[in-house]
Amino acid sequence: NASPPLRSAGTESELVRPSTKRRLDSAKRTPGHRLAGVQLTPLGERPRKRRTKIMLEYPPELAYSPAHTWARVDEAQGTAEMGVTEPLSERLDEIHSIDMPREGDEIEMDEMCIHLHLNTNIIHLRAPMSGRVVEINRDVLDNPNLLHVSPYKHWIMRMECDELEELDMMMSAAQYSRHVDA
């Protein structure tokens, strides 16, 4: 009752026991069979891994811009903290320095207001909202690589918002996740 031995030379199809080859060939032709449509990997090759999209989770209390900045709004105070998103921070090299607006400066939504100096270039960030800068995060100014450590904890600047209605033009965490994965 022993199965015939495997052949060690020849084509790929010769390396499979004849009885196994018949079952596989018949299964490929039989719809609904658990092996129907199975694609065999030639011997000596690894099967290709399927690329799956991973939906990252973003803090739901933040509002996101398409330019990969976020705003944490305190509607009672009429202020918002601004920072960079994790997808952006992961793409950045070491940050040598940051140019920021000064406290008291007026900024318009989508205005390039923050400049990150990297090894090879400068990244210009747009303001997610309009308003007046009321505070600069000195810790981030002194150590810009904190943006790599925890981009949602380390905000760059706090501003007094001119128009909270601009939040309606920003994305929720779910919308931003779809935007990044697109």
Protein backbone atom coordinates (compact mmCIF):
# COMPACT_ATOMS: atom_id res chain seq x y z
CA ASN A 1 0.00 0.00 0.00
CA ALA A 2 3.01 2.27 -0.16
CA SER A 3 2.82 5.28 -2.47
CA PRO A 4 5.16 5.31 -5.42
CA PRO A 5 8.41 7.13 -4.64
CA LEU A 6 8.97 10.70 -5.77
CA ARG A 7 11.02 11.08 -8.90
CA SER A 8 14.06 13.22 -8.35
CA ALA A 9 14.82 14.32 -11.87
CA GLY A 10 12.84 15.94 -14.61
CA THR A 11 10.21 18.64 -14.86
CA GLU A 12 8.20 20.12 -12.06
CA SER A 13 5.22 17.89 -12.82
CA GLU A 14 7.45 14.84 -12.51
CA LEU A 15 8.35 15.84 -8.94
CA VAL A 16 4.80 15.21 -7.73
CA ARG A 17 3.48 11.71 -7.09
CA PRO A 18 1.25 10.65 -10.00
CA SER A 19 -1.74 10.06 -7.70
CA THR A 20 -1.37 13.54 -6.15
CA LYS A 21 -1.01 15.11 -9.58
CA ARG A 22 -4.26 13.43 -10.74
CA ARG A 23 -6.14 14.71 -7.66
CA LEU A 24 -4.81 18.24 -8.11
CA ASP A 25 -5.55 18.27 -11.84
CA SER A 26 -9.08 17.05 -11.22
CA ALA A 27 -9.60 19.56 -8.37
CA LYS A 28 -8.62 22.44 -10.63
CA ARG A 29 -11.35 21.39 -13.06
CA THR A 30 -14.03 20.79 -10.42
CA PRO A 31 -15.88 23.98 -9.44
CA GLY A 32 -16.62 24.32 -5.73
CA HIS A 33 -13.90 21.90 -4.70
CA ARG A 34 -11.72 23.19 -1.88
CA LEU A 35 -8.69 23.15 -4.19
CA ALA A 36 -10.49 24.64 -7.19
CA GLY A 37 -8.55 27.57 -8.53
CA VAL A 38 -5.47 26.84 -6.41
CA GLN A 39 -2.33 28.17 -7.98
CA LEU A 40 0.61 25.90 -7.32
CA THR A 41 3.98 27.43 -6.63
CA PRO A 42 6.77 25.77 -8.61
CA LEU A 43 9.16 23.79 -6.44
CA GLY A 44 12.09 25.81 -5.21
CA GLU A 45 10.17 29.11 -5.32
CA ARG A 46 8.46 30.88 -2.46
CA PRO A 47 4.86 31.94 -2.87
CA ARG A 48 4.40 35.67 -3.37
CA LYS A 49 3.11 37.47 -0.34
CA ARG A 50 -0.01 39.51 -0.91
CA ARG A 51 0.31 43.15 -0.02
CA THR A 52 -2.39 44.11 2.40
CA LYS A 53 -3.29 47.66 3.22
CA ILE A 54 -3.06 48.40 6.90
CA MET A 55 -5.53 50.99 8.10
CA LEU A 56 -3.65 52.99 10.68
CA GLU A 57 -5.58 54.51 13.51
CA TYR A 58 -5.32 58.23 14.04
CA PRO A 59 -6.41 60.12 17.16
CA PRO A 60 -10.13 60.82 16.64
CA GLU A 61 -10.09 64.11 18.56
CA LEU A 62 -7.86 65.76 15.92
CA ALA A 63 -8.80 67.38 12.63
CA TYR A 64 -6.50 66.59 9.68
CA SER A 65 -5.43 68.49 6.59
CA PRO A 66 -4.52 66.88 3.24
CA ALA A 67 -1.04 68.41 3.76
CA HIS A 68 -0.43 66.01 6.70
CA THR A 69 -0.82 68.50 9.53
CA TRP A 70 -3.32 68.21 12.35
CA ALA A 71 -5.19 70.58 14.64
CA ARG A 72 -6.35 69.87 18.19
CA VAL A 73 -9.10 72.42 18.77
CA ASP A 74 -10.26 73.71 22.13
CA GLU A 75 -13.56 75.30 21.13
CA ALA A 76 -14.16 76.75 24.61
CA GLN A 77 -10.88 78.68 24.43
CA GLY A 78 -11.07 79.29 20.68
CA THR A 79 -7.53 77.91 20.24
CA ALA A 80 -5.91 75.08 18.31
CA GLU A 81 -2.60 73.29 18.60
CA MET A 82 -0.96 72.36 15.31
CA GLY A 83 1.38 69.44 14.58
CA VAL A 84 2.48 66.95 11.95
CA THR A 85 0.90 63.57 11.31
CA GLU A 86 2.65 60.26 11.81
CA PRO A 87 2.77 59.42 8.06
CA LEU A 88 4.66 62.67 7.46
CA SER A 89 6.99 62.24 10.44
CA GLU A 90 7.90 58.73 9.24
CA ARG A 91 8.94 60.07 5.83
CA LEU A 92 11.19 62.79 7.27
CA ASP A 93 14.92 62.43 7.76
CA GLU A 94 16.54 63.88 10.83
CA ILE A 95 15.21 67.38 11.43
CA HIS A 96 18.05 69.83 12.08
CA SER A 97 15.96 72.91 12.78
CA ILE A 98 12.52 74.48 12.41
CA ASP A 99 11.59 77.94 11.24
CA MET A 100 8.28 79.01 12.81
CA PRO A 101 6.22 82.16 12.89
CA ARG A 102 6.57 84.39 15.93
CA GLU A 103 4.03 84.73 18.67
CA GLY A 104 1.52 87.34 17.55
CA ASP A 105 1.89 86.60 13.82
CA GLU A 106 -1.32 86.21 11.82
CA ILE A 107 -1.53 83.08 9.68
CA GLU A 108 -4.04 82.11 6.99
CA MET A 109 -5.27 78.58 6.36
CA ASP A 110 -2.98 76.77 3.84
CA GLU A 111 -0.24 79.39 4.23
CA MET A 112 3.25 77.89 4.32
CA CYS A 113 4.25 78.87 7.82
CA ILE A 114 6.58 76.18 9.18
CA HIS A 115 9.82 75.09 7.53
CA LEU A 116 11.57 71.88 8.59
CA HIS A 117 15.28 71.83 7.74
CA LEU A 118 16.42 68.27 6.95
CA ASN A 119 19.76 66.84 5.81
CA THR A 120 19.08 67.34 2.12
CA ASN A 121 16.15 69.71 1.79
CA ILE A 122 13.54 71.87 3.47
CA ILE A 123 9.93 70.77 3.99
CA HIS A 124 7.35 73.56 4.01
CA LEU A 125 4.22 72.93 6.09
CA ARG A 126 0.88 74.65 5.59
CA ALA A 127 -1.24 75.98 8.42
CA PRO A 128 -4.34 73.81 8.94
CA MET A 129 -6.36 76.83 10.14
CA SER A 130 -6.31 80.63 10.19
CA GLY A 131 -5.48 82.58 13.31
CA ARG A 132 -2.94 84.38 15.46
CA VAL A 133 0.01 82.47 16.93
CA VAL A 134 -0.23 82.64 20.73
CA GLU A 135 2.45 80.11 21.69
CA ILE A 136 5.38 78.25 20.16
CA ASN A 137 6.34 74.85 21.58
CA ARG A 138 9.88 75.64 22.79
CA ASP A 139 10.62 71.94 23.42
CA VAL A 140 10.06 71.15 19.73
CA LEU A 141 11.96 74.27 18.67
CA ASP A 142 14.97 73.15 20.77
CA ASN A 143 14.65 69.46 19.81
CA PRO A 144 12.78 69.14 16.48
CA ASN A 145 13.21 65.36 16.39
CA LEU A 146 10.53 65.10 19.08
CA LEU A 147 8.19 65.13 16.06
CA HIS A 148 9.54 61.66 15.24
CA VAL A 149 9.09 60.38 18.79
CA SER A 150 5.41 61.16 19.22
CA PRO A 151 3.94 63.40 16.52
CA TYR A 152 0.50 63.65 18.17
CA LYS A 153 1.87 64.58 21.58
CA HIS A 154 4.41 67.17 20.42
CA TRP A 155 2.56 70.08 18.87
CA ILE A 156 4.45 72.83 17.05
CA MET A 157 2.41 75.95 17.77
CA ARG A 158 -0.83 77.03 19.42
CA MET A 159 -3.01 79.58 17.69
CA GLU A 160 -6.10 81.60 18.44
CA CYS A 161 -8.56 80.56 15.73
CA ASP A 162 -10.19 83.21 13.56
CA GLU A 163 -12.86 80.93 12.15
CA LEU A 164 -13.78 77.64 13.80
CA GLU A 165 -15.90 76.92 10.69
CA GLU A 166 -12.63 76.03 8.94
CA LEU A 167 -12.83 72.73 10.85
CA ASP A 168 -15.56 71.72 8.39
CA MET A 169 -12.94 71.79 5.61
CA MET A 170 -10.63 69.43 7.47
CA MET A 171 -10.82 65.63 7.66
CA SER A 172 -11.83 63.34 10.48
CA ALA A 173 -9.49 60.51 11.53
CA ALA A 174 -11.38 58.01 9.34
CA GLN A 175 -11.32 60.35 6.34
CA TYR A 176 -7.60 61.02 6.82
CA SER A 177 -6.90 57.29 7.06
CA ARG A 178 -8.63 56.75 3.69
CA HIS A 179 -6.73 59.75 2.25
CA VAL A 180 -3.36 58.28 3.31
CA ASP A 181 -4.22 54.77 2.07
CA ALA A 182 -5.45 56.02 -1.34
